[in-house]
Full PDB file with SEQRES, HELIX, SHEET, SSBOND, CRYST1, ORIGX, SCALE, CONECT and MASTER records, all heavy atoms in Angstrom:
SEQRES   1 A   34  VAL HIS ASP LEU TRP HIS ASP TYR ASP GLY ALA PRO VAL          
SEQRES   2 A   34  LEU GLU ARG ILE ASN LEU GLU VAL ASP GLU GLY THR PHE          
SEQRES   3 A   34  CYS THR ILE VAL GLY ALA SER GLY                              
SHEET    1 AA1 2 LEU A   4  TYR A   8  0                                        
SHEET    2 AA1 2 ALA A  11  ILE A  17 -1                                        
CRYST1    1.000    1.000    1.000  90.00  90.00  90.00 P 1           1          
ORIGX1      1.000000  0.000000  0.000000        0.00000                         
ORIGX2      0.000000  1.000000  0.000000        0.00000                         
ORIGX3      0.000000  0.000000  1.000000        0.00000                         
SCALE1      1.000000  0.000000  0.000000        0.00000                         
SCALE2      0.000000  1.000000  0.000000        0.00000                         
SCALE3      0.000000  0.000000  1.000000        0.00000                         
ATOM      1  N   VAL A   1     201.572  37.352  88.613  1.00  0.00           N  
ATOM      2  CA  VAL A   1     200.323  37.315  89.371  1.00  0.00           C  
ATOM      3  C   VAL A   1     200.448  38.346  90.489  1.00  0.00           C  
ATOM      4  O   VAL A   1     201.383  38.282  91.289  1.00  0.00           O  
ATOM      5  CB  VAL A   1     200.059  35.917  89.969  1.00  0.00           C  
ATOM      6  CG1 VAL A   1     198.743  35.909  90.752  1.00  0.00           C  
ATOM      7  CG2 VAL A   1     200.030  34.864  88.862  1.00  0.00           C  
ATOM      8  N   HIS A   2     199.509  39.289  90.526  1.00  0.00           N  
ATOM      9  CA  HIS A   2     199.577  40.384  91.483  1.00  0.00           C  
ATOM     10  C   HIS A   2     198.370  40.381  92.417  1.00  0.00           C  
ATOM     11  O   HIS A   2     197.230  40.547  91.960  1.00  0.00           O  
ATOM     12  CB  HIS A   2     199.648  41.731  90.754  1.00  0.00           C  
ATOM     13  CG  HIS A   2     200.855  41.885  89.877  1.00  0.00           C  
ATOM     14  ND1 HIS A   2     200.880  42.728  88.776  1.00  0.00           N  
ATOM     15  CD2 HIS A   2     202.076  41.301  89.935  1.00  0.00           C  
ATOM     16  CE1 HIS A   2     202.063  42.647  88.196  1.00  0.00           C  
ATOM     17  NE2 HIS A   2     202.809  41.791  88.882  1.00  0.00           N  
ATOM     18  N   ASP A   3     198.598  40.132  93.684  1.00  0.00           N  
ATOM     19  CA  ASP A   3     197.585  40.241  94.735  1.00  0.00           C  
ATOM     20  C   ASP A   3     196.279  39.559  94.336  1.00  0.00           C  
ATOM     21  O   ASP A   3     195.206  40.143  94.388  1.00  0.00           O  
ATOM     22  CB  ASP A   3     197.332  41.710  95.069  1.00  0.00           C  
ATOM     23  CG  ASP A   3     196.605  41.859  96.410  1.00  0.00           C  
ATOM     24  OD1 ASP A   3     196.777  40.998  97.281  1.00  0.00           O  
ATOM     25  OD2 ASP A   3     195.850  42.845  96.562  1.00  0.00           O  
ATOM     26  N   LEU A   4     196.365  38.297  93.972  1.00  0.00           N  
ATOM     27  CA  LEU A   4     195.206  37.548  93.505  1.00  0.00           C  
ATOM     28  C   LEU A   4     194.420  36.968  94.674  1.00  0.00           C  
ATOM     29  O   LEU A   4     194.992  36.348  95.587  1.00  0.00           O  
ATOM     30  CB  LEU A   4     195.667  36.435  92.562  1.00  0.00           C  
ATOM     31  CG  LEU A   4     194.573  35.580  91.896  1.00  0.00           C  
ATOM     32  CD1 LEU A   4     194.999  35.219  90.479  1.00  0.00           C  
ATOM     33  CD2 LEU A   4     194.319  34.303  92.696  1.00  0.00           C  
ATOM     34  N   TRP A   5     193.101  37.150  94.649  1.00  0.00           N  
ATOM     35  CA  TRP A   5     192.172  36.580  95.628  1.00  0.00           C  
ATOM     36  C   TRP A   5     191.047  35.888  94.864  1.00  0.00           C  
ATOM     37  O   TRP A   5     190.638  36.342  93.795  1.00  0.00           O  
ATOM     38  CB  TRP A   5     191.550  37.668  96.513  1.00  0.00           C  
ATOM     39  CG  TRP A   5     192.522  38.418  97.383  1.00  0.00           C  
ATOM     40  CD1 TRP A   5     193.547  39.227  96.980  1.00  0.00           C  
ATOM     41  CD2 TRP A   5     192.536  38.452  98.810  1.00  0.00           C  
ATOM     42  NE1 TRP A   5     194.198  39.747  98.054  1.00  0.00           N  
ATOM     43  CE2 TRP A   5     193.603  39.302  99.208  1.00  0.00           C  
ATOM     44  CE3 TRP A   5     191.749  37.850  99.805  1.00  0.00           C  
ATOM     45  CZ2 TRP A   5     193.898  39.550 100.536  1.00  0.00           C  
ATOM     46  CZ3 TRP A   5     192.042  38.112 101.131  1.00  0.00           C  
ATOM     47  CH2 TRP A   5     193.107  38.942 101.498  1.00  0.00           C  
ATOM     48  N   HIS A   6     190.531  34.801  95.431  1.00  0.00           N  
ATOM     49  CA  HIS A   6     189.394  34.129  94.803  1.00  0.00           C  
ATOM     50  C   HIS A   6     188.559  33.442  95.872  1.00  0.00           C  
ATOM     51  O   HIS A   6     189.086  32.989  96.892  1.00  0.00           O  
ATOM     52  CB  HIS A   6     189.868  33.098  93.779  1.00  0.00           C  
ATOM     53  CG  HIS A   6     188.788  32.641  92.848  1.00  0.00           C  
ATOM     54  ND1 HIS A   6     188.097  33.508  92.033  1.00  0.00           N  
ATOM     55  CD2 HIS A   6     188.272  31.409  92.594  1.00  0.00           C  
ATOM     56  CE1 HIS A   6     187.221  32.830  91.317  1.00  0.00           C  
ATOM     57  NE2 HIS A   6     187.294  31.549  91.657  1.00  0.00           N  
ATOM     58  N   ASP A   7     187.242  33.388  95.643  1.00  0.00           N  
ATOM     59  CA  ASP A   7     186.345  32.727  96.596  1.00  0.00           C  
ATOM     60  C   ASP A   7     185.209  32.073  95.841  1.00  0.00           C  
ATOM     61  O   ASP A   7     184.973  32.343  94.664  1.00  0.00           O  
ATOM     62  CB  ASP A   7     185.790  33.745  97.608  1.00  0.00           C  
ATOM     63  CG  ASP A   7     184.897  34.791  96.945  1.00  0.00           C  
ATOM     64  OD1 ASP A   7     183.718  34.481  96.660  1.00  0.00           O  
ATOM     65  OD2 ASP A   7     185.365  35.916  96.698  1.00  0.00           O  
ATOM     66  N   TYR A   8     184.499  31.190  96.531  1.00  0.00           N  
ATOM     67  CA  TYR A   8     183.291  30.561  96.008  1.00  0.00           C  
ATOM     68  C   TYR A   8     182.147  30.876  96.954  1.00  0.00           C  
ATOM     69  O   TYR A   8     182.172  30.469  98.121  1.00  0.00           O  
ATOM     70  CB  TYR A   8     183.469  29.050  95.878  1.00  0.00           C  
ATOM     71  CG  TYR A   8     184.468  28.643  94.818  1.00  0.00           C  
ATOM     72  CD1 TYR A   8     185.614  27.919  95.142  1.00  0.00           C  
ATOM     73  CD2 TYR A   8     184.268  28.984  93.482  1.00  0.00           C  
ATOM     74  CE1 TYR A   8     186.525  27.541  94.174  1.00  0.00           C  
ATOM     75  CE2 TYR A   8     185.178  28.617  92.500  1.00  0.00           C  
ATOM     76  CZ  TYR A   8     186.301  27.897  92.854  1.00  0.00           C  
ATOM     77  OH  TYR A   8     187.204  27.537  91.880  1.00  0.00           O  
ATOM     78  N   ASP A   9     181.171  31.633  96.453  1.00  0.00           N  
ATOM     79  CA  ASP A   9     180.006  32.013  97.255  1.00  0.00           C  
ATOM     80  C   ASP A   9     180.426  32.645  98.580  1.00  0.00           C  
ATOM     81  O   ASP A   9     179.851  32.363  99.648  1.00  0.00           O  
ATOM     82  CB  ASP A   9     179.111  30.804  97.521  1.00  0.00           C  
ATOM     83  CG  ASP A   9     178.528  30.225  96.235  1.00  0.00           C  
ATOM     84  OD1 ASP A   9     178.224  31.013  95.319  1.00  0.00           O  
ATOM     85  OD2 ASP A   9     178.405  28.985  96.149  1.00  0.00           O  
ATOM     86  N   GLY A  10     181.446  33.488  98.518  1.00  0.00           N  
ATOM     87  CA  GLY A  10     181.893  34.205  99.705  1.00  0.00           C  
ATOM     88  C   GLY A  10     182.886  33.462 100.569  1.00  0.00           C  
ATOM     89  O   GLY A  10     183.435  34.034 101.514  1.00  0.00           O  
ATOM     90  N   ALA A  11     183.142  32.175 100.290  1.00  0.00           N  
ATOM     91  CA  ALA A  11     184.109  31.396 101.064  1.00  0.00           C  
ATOM     92  C   ALA A  11     185.480  31.520 100.393  1.00  0.00           C  
ATOM     93  O   ALA A  11     185.667  31.034  99.273  1.00  0.00           O  
ATOM     94  CB  ALA A  11     183.691  29.933 101.144  1.00  0.00           C  
ATOM     95  N   PRO A  12     186.458  32.152 101.049  1.00  0.00           N  
ATOM     96  CA  PRO A  12     187.775  32.355 100.422  1.00  0.00           C  
ATOM     97  C   PRO A  12     188.471  31.038 100.101  1.00  0.00           C  
ATOM     98  O   PRO A  12     188.443  30.092 100.891  1.00  0.00           O  
ATOM     99  CB  PRO A  12     188.548  33.137 101.488  1.00  0.00           C  
ATOM    100  CG  PRO A  12     187.508  33.734 102.375  1.00  0.00           C  
ATOM    101  CD  PRO A  12     186.368  32.758 102.380  1.00  0.00           C  
ATOM    102  N   VAL A  13     189.098  30.985  98.930  1.00  0.00           N  
ATOM    103  CA  VAL A  13     189.877  29.818  98.522  1.00  0.00           C  
ATOM    104  C   VAL A  13     191.349  30.200  98.376  1.00  0.00           C  
ATOM    105  O   VAL A  13     192.237  29.497  98.843  1.00  0.00           O  
ATOM    106  CB  VAL A  13     189.345  29.234  97.198  1.00  0.00           C  
ATOM    107  CG1 VAL A  13     190.206  28.054  96.730  1.00  0.00           C  
ATOM    108  CG2 VAL A  13     187.897  28.805  97.346  1.00  0.00           C  
ATOM    109  N   LEU A  14     191.600  31.316  97.726  1.00  0.00           N  
ATOM    110  CA  LEU A  14     192.952  31.833  97.544  1.00  0.00           C  
ATOM    111  C   LEU A  14     193.012  33.272  97.999  1.00  0.00           C  
ATOM    112  O   LEU A  14     192.048  34.030  97.822  1.00  0.00           O  
ATOM    113  CB  LEU A  14     193.379  31.740  96.077  1.00  0.00           C  
ATOM    114  CG  LEU A  14     193.484  30.343  95.465  1.00  0.00           C  
ATOM    115  CD1 LEU A  14     193.697  30.437  93.958  1.00  0.00           C  
ATOM    116  CD2 LEU A  14     194.617  29.552  96.111  1.00  0.00           C  
ATOM    117  N   GLU A  15     194.144  33.666  98.562  1.00  0.00           N  
ATOM    118  CA  GLU A  15     194.314  35.060  98.973  1.00  0.00           C  
ATOM    119  C   GLU A  15     195.787  35.447  98.864  1.00  0.00           C  
ATOM    120  O   GLU A  15     196.688  34.628  99.024  1.00  0.00           O  
ATOM    121  CB  GLU A  15     193.831  35.273 100.408  1.00  0.00           C  
ATOM    122  CG  GLU A  15     194.585  34.470 101.464  1.00  0.00           C  
ATOM    123  CD  GLU A  15     194.133  34.802 102.878  1.00  0.00           C  
ATOM    124  OE1 GLU A  15     192.907  34.759 103.133  1.00  0.00           O  
ATOM    125  OE2 GLU A  15     194.995  35.102 103.703  1.00  0.00           O  
ATOM    126  N   ARG A  16     196.025  36.692  98.510  1.00  0.00           N  
ATOM    127  CA  ARG A  16     197.364  37.284  98.492  1.00  0.00           C  
ATOM    128  C   ARG A  16     198.374  36.450  97.710  1.00  0.00           C  
ATOM    129  O   ARG A  16     199.483  36.217  98.157  1.00  0.00           O  
ATOM    130  CB  ARG A  16     197.873  37.487  99.924  1.00  0.00           C  
ATOM    131  CG  ARG A  16     196.993  38.438 100.750  1.00  0.00           C  
ATOM    132  CD  ARG A  16     197.543  38.586 102.157  1.00  0.00           C  
ATOM    133  NE  ARG A  16     197.496  37.311 102.876  1.00  0.00           N  
ATOM    134  CZ  ARG A  16     198.250  37.047 103.956  1.00  0.00           C  
ATOM    135  NH1 ARG A  16     199.109  37.923 104.393  1.00  0.00           N  
ATOM    136  NH2 ARG A  16     198.128  35.866 104.555  1.00  0.00           N  
ATOM    137  N   ILE A  17     197.983  36.018  96.493  1.00  0.00           N  
ATOM    138  CA  ILE A  17     198.902  35.269  95.637  1.00  0.00           C  
ATOM    139  C   ILE A  17     199.703  36.265  94.801  1.00  0.00           C  
ATOM    140  O   ILE A  17     199.144  37.049  94.039  1.00  0.00           O  
ATOM    141  CB  ILE A  17     198.143  34.305  94.701  1.00  0.00           C  
ATOM    142  CG1 ILE A  17     197.297  33.313  95.511  1.00  0.00           C  
ATOM    143  CG2 ILE A  17     199.124  33.588  93.783  1.00  0.00           C  
ATOM    144  CD1 ILE A  17     198.083  32.312  96.291  1.00  0.00           C  
ATOM    145  N   ASN A  18     201.018  36.225  94.963  1.00  0.00           N  
ATOM    146  CA  ASN A  18     201.931  37.055  94.175  1.00  0.00           C  
ATOM    147  C   ASN A  18     203.022  36.162  93.612  1.00  0.00           C  
ATOM    148  O   ASN A  18     203.632  35.372  94.345  1.00  0.00           O  
ATOM    149  CB  ASN A  18     202.549  38.153  95.038  1.00  0.00           C  
ATOM    150  CG  ASN A  18     201.528  39.194  95.460  1.00  0.00           C  
ATOM    151  OD1 ASN A  18     201.159  40.065  94.677  1.00  0.00           O  
ATOM    152  ND2 ASN A  18     201.070  39.110  96.699  1.00  0.00           N  
ATOM    153  N   LEU A  19     203.258  36.290  92.300  1.00  0.00           N  
ATOM    154  CA  LEU A  19     204.154  35.338  91.654  1.00  0.00           C  
ATOM    155  C   LEU A  19     204.756  35.963  90.399  1.00  0.00           C  
ATOM    156  O   LEU A  19     204.073  36.666  89.660  1.00  0.00           O  
ATOM    157  CB  LEU A  19     203.350  34.086  91.288  1.00  0.00           C  
ATOM    158  CG  LEU A  19     204.084  32.820  90.884  1.00  0.00           C  
ATOM    159  CD1 LEU A  19     204.953  32.297  92.018  1.00  0.00           C  
ATOM    160  CD2 LEU A  19     203.076  31.751  90.458  1.00  0.00           C  
ATOM    161  N   GLU A  20     206.033  35.706  90.167  1.00  0.00           N  
ATOM    162  CA  GLU A  20     206.707  36.091  88.934  1.00  0.00           C  
ATOM    163  C   GLU A  20     207.369  34.838  88.382  1.00  0.00           C  
ATOM    164  O   GLU A  20     208.179  34.200  89.064  1.00  0.00           O  
ATOM    165  CB  GLU A  20     207.770  37.171  89.194  1.00  0.00           C  
ATOM    166  CG  GLU A  20     207.239  38.457  89.807  1.00  0.00           C  
ATOM    167  CD  GLU A  20     206.422  39.281  88.839  1.00  0.00           C  
ATOM    168  OE1 GLU A  20     206.629  39.110  87.606  1.00  0.00           O  
ATOM    169  OE2 GLU A  20     205.592  40.094  89.290  1.00  0.00           O  
ATOM    170  N   VAL A  21     207.040  34.468  87.155  1.00  0.00           N  
ATOM    171  CA  VAL A  21     207.539  33.230  86.566  1.00  0.00           C  
ATOM    172  C   VAL A  21     208.200  33.541  85.230  1.00  0.00           C  
ATOM    173  O   VAL A  21     207.585  34.142  84.350  1.00  0.00           O  
ATOM    174  CB  VAL A  21     206.397  32.207  86.373  1.00  0.00           C  
ATOM    175  CG1 VAL A  21     206.917  30.947  85.694  1.00  0.00           C  
ATOM    176  CG2 VAL A  21     205.757  31.861  87.717  1.00  0.00           C  
ATOM    177  N   ASP A  22     209.444  33.101  85.077  1.00  0.00           N  
ATOM    178  CA  ASP A  22     210.176  33.314  83.834  1.00  0.00           C  
ATOM    179  C   ASP A  22     209.757  32.298  82.774  1.00  0.00           C  
ATOM    180  O   ASP A  22     209.295  31.195  83.086  1.00  0.00           O  
ATOM    181  CB  ASP A  22     211.681  33.200  84.074  1.00  0.00           C  
ATOM    182  CG  ASP A  22     212.232  34.325  84.934  1.00  0.00           C  
ATOM    183  OD1 ASP A  22     211.602  35.404  84.957  1.00  0.00           O  
ATOM    184  OD2 ASP A  22     213.270  34.122  85.584  1.00  0.00           O  
ATOM    185  N   GLU A  23     209.965  32.670  81.537  1.00  0.00           N  
ATOM    186  CA  GLU A  23     209.677  31.787  80.410  1.00  0.00           C  
ATOM    187  C   GLU A  23     210.439  30.473  80.557  1.00  0.00           C  
ATOM    188  O   GLU A  23     211.613  30.446  80.913  1.00  0.00           O  
ATOM    189  CB  GLU A  23     210.087  32.461  79.103  1.00  0.00           C  
ATOM    190  CG  GLU A  23     209.680  31.741  77.853  1.00  0.00           C  
ATOM    191  CD  GLU A  23     208.305  32.166  77.358  1.00  0.00           C  
ATOM    192  OE1 GLU A  23     207.842  33.245  77.712  1.00  0.00           O  
ATOM    193  OE2 GLU A  23     207.705  31.371  76.601  1.00  0.00           O  
ATOM    194  N   GLY A  24     209.759  29.347  80.317  1.00  0.00           N  
ATOM    195  CA  GLY A  24     210.410  28.052  80.334  1.00  0.00           C  
ATOM    196  C   GLY A  24     210.549  27.415  81.693  1.00  0.00           C  
ATOM    197  O   GLY A  24     211.151  26.344  81.809  1.00  0.00           O  
ATOM    198  N   THR A  25     209.992  28.031  82.728  1.00  0.00           N  
ATOM    199  CA  THR A  25     210.064  27.453  84.066  1.00  0.00           C  
ATOM    200  C   THR A  25     209.093  26.293  84.193  1.00  0.00           C  
ATOM    201  O   THR A  25     207.999  26.319  83.631  1.00  0.00           O  
ATOM    202  CB  THR A  25     209.721  28.527  85.121  1.00  0.00           C  
ATOM    203  OG1 THR A  25     210.630  29.619  85.003  1.00  0.00           O  
ATOM    204  CG2 THR A  25     209.831  27.970  86.532  1.00  0.00           C  
ATOM    205  N   PHE A  26     209.476  25.264  84.920  1.00  0.00           N  
ATOM    206  CA  PHE A  26     208.595  24.128  85.208  1.00  0.00           C  
ATOM    207  C   PHE A  26     208.202  24.249  86.681  1.00  0.00           C  
ATOM    208  O   PHE A  26     208.962  23.868  87.568  1.00  0.00           O  
ATOM    209  CB  PHE A  26     209.319  22.802  84.950  1.00  0.00           C  
ATOM    210  CG  PHE A  26     208.408  21.606  84.861  1.00  0.00           C  
ATOM    211  CD1 PHE A  26     208.507  20.723  83.796  1.00  0.00           C  
ATOM    212  CD2 PHE A  26     207.456  21.341  85.844  1.00  0.00           C  
ATOM    213  CE1 PHE A  26     207.677  19.601  83.707  1.00  0.00           C  
ATOM    214  CE2 PHE A  26     206.611  20.245  85.762  1.00  0.00           C  
ATOM    215  CZ  PHE A  26     206.732  19.366  84.684  1.00  0.00           C  
ATOM    216  N   CYS A  27     207.005  24.780  86.937  1.00  0.00           N  
ATOM    217  CA  CYS A  27     206.513  24.977  88.292  1.00  0.00           C  
ATOM    218  C   CYS A  27     205.671  23.781  88.719  1.00  0.00           C  
ATOM    219  O   CYS A  27     204.662  23.479  88.079  1.00  0.00           O  
ATOM    220  CB  CYS A  27     205.646  26.239  88.385  1.00  0.00           C  
ATOM    221  SG  CYS A  27     206.547  27.777  88.190  1.00  0.00           S  
ATOM    222  N   THR A  28     206.076  23.103  89.763  1.00  0.00           N  
ATOM    223  CA  THR A  28     205.238  22.072  90.355  1.00  0.00           C  
ATOM    224  C   THR A  28     204.553  22.667  91.584  1.00  0.00           C  
ATOM    225  O   THR A  28     205.151  23.454  92.321  1.00  0.00           O  
ATOM    226  CB  THR A  28     206.055  20.825  90.729  1.00  0.00           C  
ATOM    227  OG1 THR A  28     207.222  21.207  91.460  1.00  0.00           O  
ATOM    228  CG2 THR A  28     206.468  20.068  89.488  1.00  0.00           C  
ATOM    229  N   ILE A  29     203.286  22.287  91.790  1.00  0.00           N  
ATOM    230  CA  ILE A  29     202.454  22.891  92.831  1.00  0.00           C  
ATOM    231  C   ILE A  29     201.971  21.792  93.760  1.00  0.00           C  
ATOM    232  O   ILE A  29     201.338  20.826  93.320  1.00  0.00           O  
ATOM    233  CB  ILE A  29     201.252  23.632  92.216  1.00  0.00           C  
ATOM    234  CG1 ILE A  29     201.740  24.703  91.232  1.00  0.00           C  
ATOM    235  CG2 ILE A  29     200.388  24.259  93.304  1.00  0.00           C  
ATOM    236  CD1 ILE A  29     200.618  25.356  90.435  1.00  0.00           C  
ATOM    237  N   VAL A  30     202.269  21.917  95.047  1.00  0.00           N  
ATOM    238  CA  VAL A  30     201.863  20.928  96.039  1.00  0.00           C  
ATOM    239  C   VAL A  30     201.115  21.631  97.170  1.00  0.00           C  
ATOM    240  O   VAL A  30     201.172  22.865  97.311  1.00  0.00           O  
ATOM    241  CB  VAL A  30     203.072  20.150  96.606  1.00  0.00           C  
ATOM    242  CG1 VAL A  30     203.795  19.403  95.497  1.00  0.00           C  
ATOM    243  CG2 VAL A  30     204.030  21.085  97.342  1.00  0.00           C  
ATOM    244  N   GLY A  31     200.445  20.842  97.992  1.00  0.00           N  
ATOM    245  CA  GLY A  31     199.701  21.388  99.127  1.00  0.00           C  
ATOM    246  C   GLY A  31     198.580  20.449  99.516  1.00  0.00           C  
ATOM    247  O   GLY A  31     198.250  19.511  98.784  1.00  0.00           O  
ATOM    248  N   ALA A  32     197.994  20.713 100.667  1.00  0.00           N  
ATOM    249  CA  ALA A  32     196.910  19.867 101.165  1.00  0.00           C  
ATOM    250  C   ALA A  32     195.698  19.944 100.244  1.00  0.00           C  
ATOM    251  O   ALA A  32     195.516  20.920  99.497  1.00  0.00           O  
ATOM    252  CB  ALA A  32     196.527  20.302 102.575  1.00  0.00           C  
ATOM    253  N   SER A  33     194.859  18.912 100.298  1.00  0.00           N  
ATOM    254  CA  SER A  33     193.622  18.919  99.518  1.00  0.00           C  
ATOM    255  C   SER A  33     192.759  20.108  99.926  1.00  0.00           C  
ATOM    256  O   SER A  33     192.656  20.442 101.106  1.00  0.00           O  
ATOM    257  CB  SER A  33     192.846  17.613  99.743  1.00  0.00           C  
ATOM    258  OG  SER A  33     193.564  16.511  99.275  1.00  0.00           O  
ATOM    259  N   GLY A  34     192.144  20.758  98.937  1.00  0.00           N  
ATOM    260  CA  GLY A  34     191.248  21.867  99.217  1.00  0.00           C  
ATOM    261  C   GLY A  34     191.920  23.202  99.431  1.00  0.00           C  
ATOM    262  O   GLY A  34     191.255  24.164  99.841  1.00  0.00           O  
TER     263      GLY A  34                                                      
MASTER        0    0    0    0    2    0    0    6  262    1    0    3          
END                                                                             
C-alpha cells in the first residue's frame, strides 16, 4: 500500500497509509471507532 488516502464527501477518513505485507501474514487491525 503506497501513500493511500480516502475520504467521504471531502471528509478525510484515511491518510498517508503505507504498508508492506508478506504472504501468509495474519494482520490484526485495532483502533478507535471511526
